[in-house]
Amino acid sequence: MSGRYPQADNLHEYWENLKGGRNCITEIPAERWPLEGFFHPDTDAAVAQGKSYTKWGGFVKDFSAFDPKFFNIAPREALNMDPQERLFI
């Protein structure tokens, strides 16, 4: 069995995080997407404006690292795949 999780590259690190009670939720990394135009701290205003009222989440390192040729997938097709599907593969 294998897996990658926020702040854990494998199941052993994940288990150590669980045992240690480590909080692996962080603010949205700037390299993922900018908060400007996405986040509003007031819940009601955020909902009214179609924005998020939270700027926290669990983020997997190297989420976009994927070798499509290893899985016999055309690189162009891989670009159109949902990132979560690529992680699952």
Protein backbone atom coordinates (compact mmCIF):
# COMPACT_ATOMS: atom_id res chain seq x y z
CA MET A 1 0.00 0.00 0.00
CA SER A 2 1.19 3.50 -0.77
CA GLY A 3 0.01 7.03 -0.30
CA ARG A 4 0.93 10.70 -0.23
CA TYR A 5 -0.66 13.12 2.16
CA PRO A 6 -0.23 16.72 3.32
CA GLN A 7 3.26 16.96 4.85
CA ALA A 8 3.79 13.22 4.38
CA ASP A 9 5.41 11.70 1.30
CA ASN A 10 4.55 8.15 2.34
CA LEU A 11 2.47 6.11 4.77
CA HIS A 12 5.22 5.98 7.39
CA GLU A 13 5.41 9.80 7.54
CA TYR A 14 1.63 9.99 7.57
CA TRP A 15 1.44 7.58 10.50
CA GLU A 16 4.13 9.52 12.38
CA ASN A 17 2.13 12.72 11.84
CA LEU A 18 -0.98 11.00 13.22
CA LYS A 19 0.86 9.55 16.22
CA GLY A 20 2.44 12.89 16.97
CA GLY A 21 -0.83 14.80 16.66
CA ARG A 22 0.75 17.01 14.01
CA ASN A 23 -1.53 19.54 12.36
CA CYS A 24 -0.77 19.29 8.63
CA ILE A 25 -3.19 22.00 7.57
CA THR A 26 -1.48 25.16 6.31
CA GLU A 27 -2.37 28.41 4.62
CA ILE A 28 -2.70 28.16 0.84
CA PRO A 29 0.84 28.28 -0.54
CA ALA A 30 1.44 31.35 -2.73
CA GLU A 31 2.71 29.13 -5.55
CA ARG A 32 -0.66 27.31 -5.70
CA TRP A 33 -2.89 30.33 -6.24
CA PRO A 34 -3.13 33.92 -5.01
CA LEU A 35 -5.56 34.76 -2.24
CA GLU A 36 -6.49 38.04 -3.92
CA GLY A 37 -9.83 37.59 -5.62
CA PHE A 38 -10.26 34.17 -4.00
CA PHE A 39 -10.53 34.76 -0.25
CA HIS A 40 -12.62 37.05 1.92
CA PRO A 41 -12.34 36.80 5.73
CA ASP A 42 -16.02 37.58 6.37
CA THR A 43 -18.13 34.45 5.82
CA ASP A 44 -21.30 36.22 4.68
CA ALA A 45 -19.42 38.57 2.34
CA ALA A 46 -17.41 35.68 0.92
CA VAL A 47 -20.55 33.68 0.16
CA ALA A 48 -22.27 36.71 -1.37
CA GLN A 49 -19.24 37.36 -3.59
CA GLY A 50 -18.69 33.71 -4.53
CA LYS A 51 -15.36 33.58 -2.71
CA SER A 52 -13.83 31.29 -0.14
CA TYR A 53 -13.98 32.27 3.51
CA THR A 54 -11.05 30.05 4.41
CA LYS A 55 -7.44 30.16 3.30
CA TRP A 56 -6.37 26.88 4.86
CA GLY A 57 -6.05 23.35 3.51
CA GLY A 58 -4.02 20.18 3.29
CA PHE A 59 -1.61 20.42 0.38
CA VAL A 60 0.38 17.56 -1.13
CA LYS A 61 3.96 18.35 -2.14
CA ASP A 62 4.80 17.95 -5.85
CA PHE A 63 1.14 17.43 -6.73
CA SER A 64 1.87 18.24 -10.37
CA ALA A 65 4.83 15.86 -10.74
CA PHE A 66 3.53 13.12 -13.02
CA ASP A 67 5.29 10.96 -15.60
CA PRO A 68 2.61 10.19 -18.19
CA LYS A 69 4.91 8.06 -20.32
CA PHE A 70 5.41 5.65 -17.39
CA PHE A 71 1.66 4.98 -17.52
CA ASN A 72 1.51 4.97 -21.35
CA ILE A 73 -0.52 8.18 -21.35
CA ALA A 74 0.10 10.87 -23.93
CA PRO A 75 1.53 14.02 -22.30
CA ARG A 76 -1.22 16.14 -23.89
CA GLU A 77 -3.88 13.82 -22.46
CA ALA A 78 -2.24 13.99 -19.02
CA LEU A 79 -2.48 17.79 -19.06
CA ASN A 80 -6.25 17.49 -19.48
CA MET A 81 -6.63 15.01 -16.62
CA ASP A 82 -7.85 16.13 -13.23
CA PRO A 83 -4.81 16.49 -10.90
CA GLN A 84 -6.54 14.24 -8.37
CA GLU A 85 -6.84 11.52 -10.99
CA ARG A 86 -3.12 11.80 -11.76
CA LEU A 87 -2.35 11.48 -8.03
CA PHE A 88 -4.59 8.43 -7.77
CA ILE A 89 -2.79 6.72 -10.64
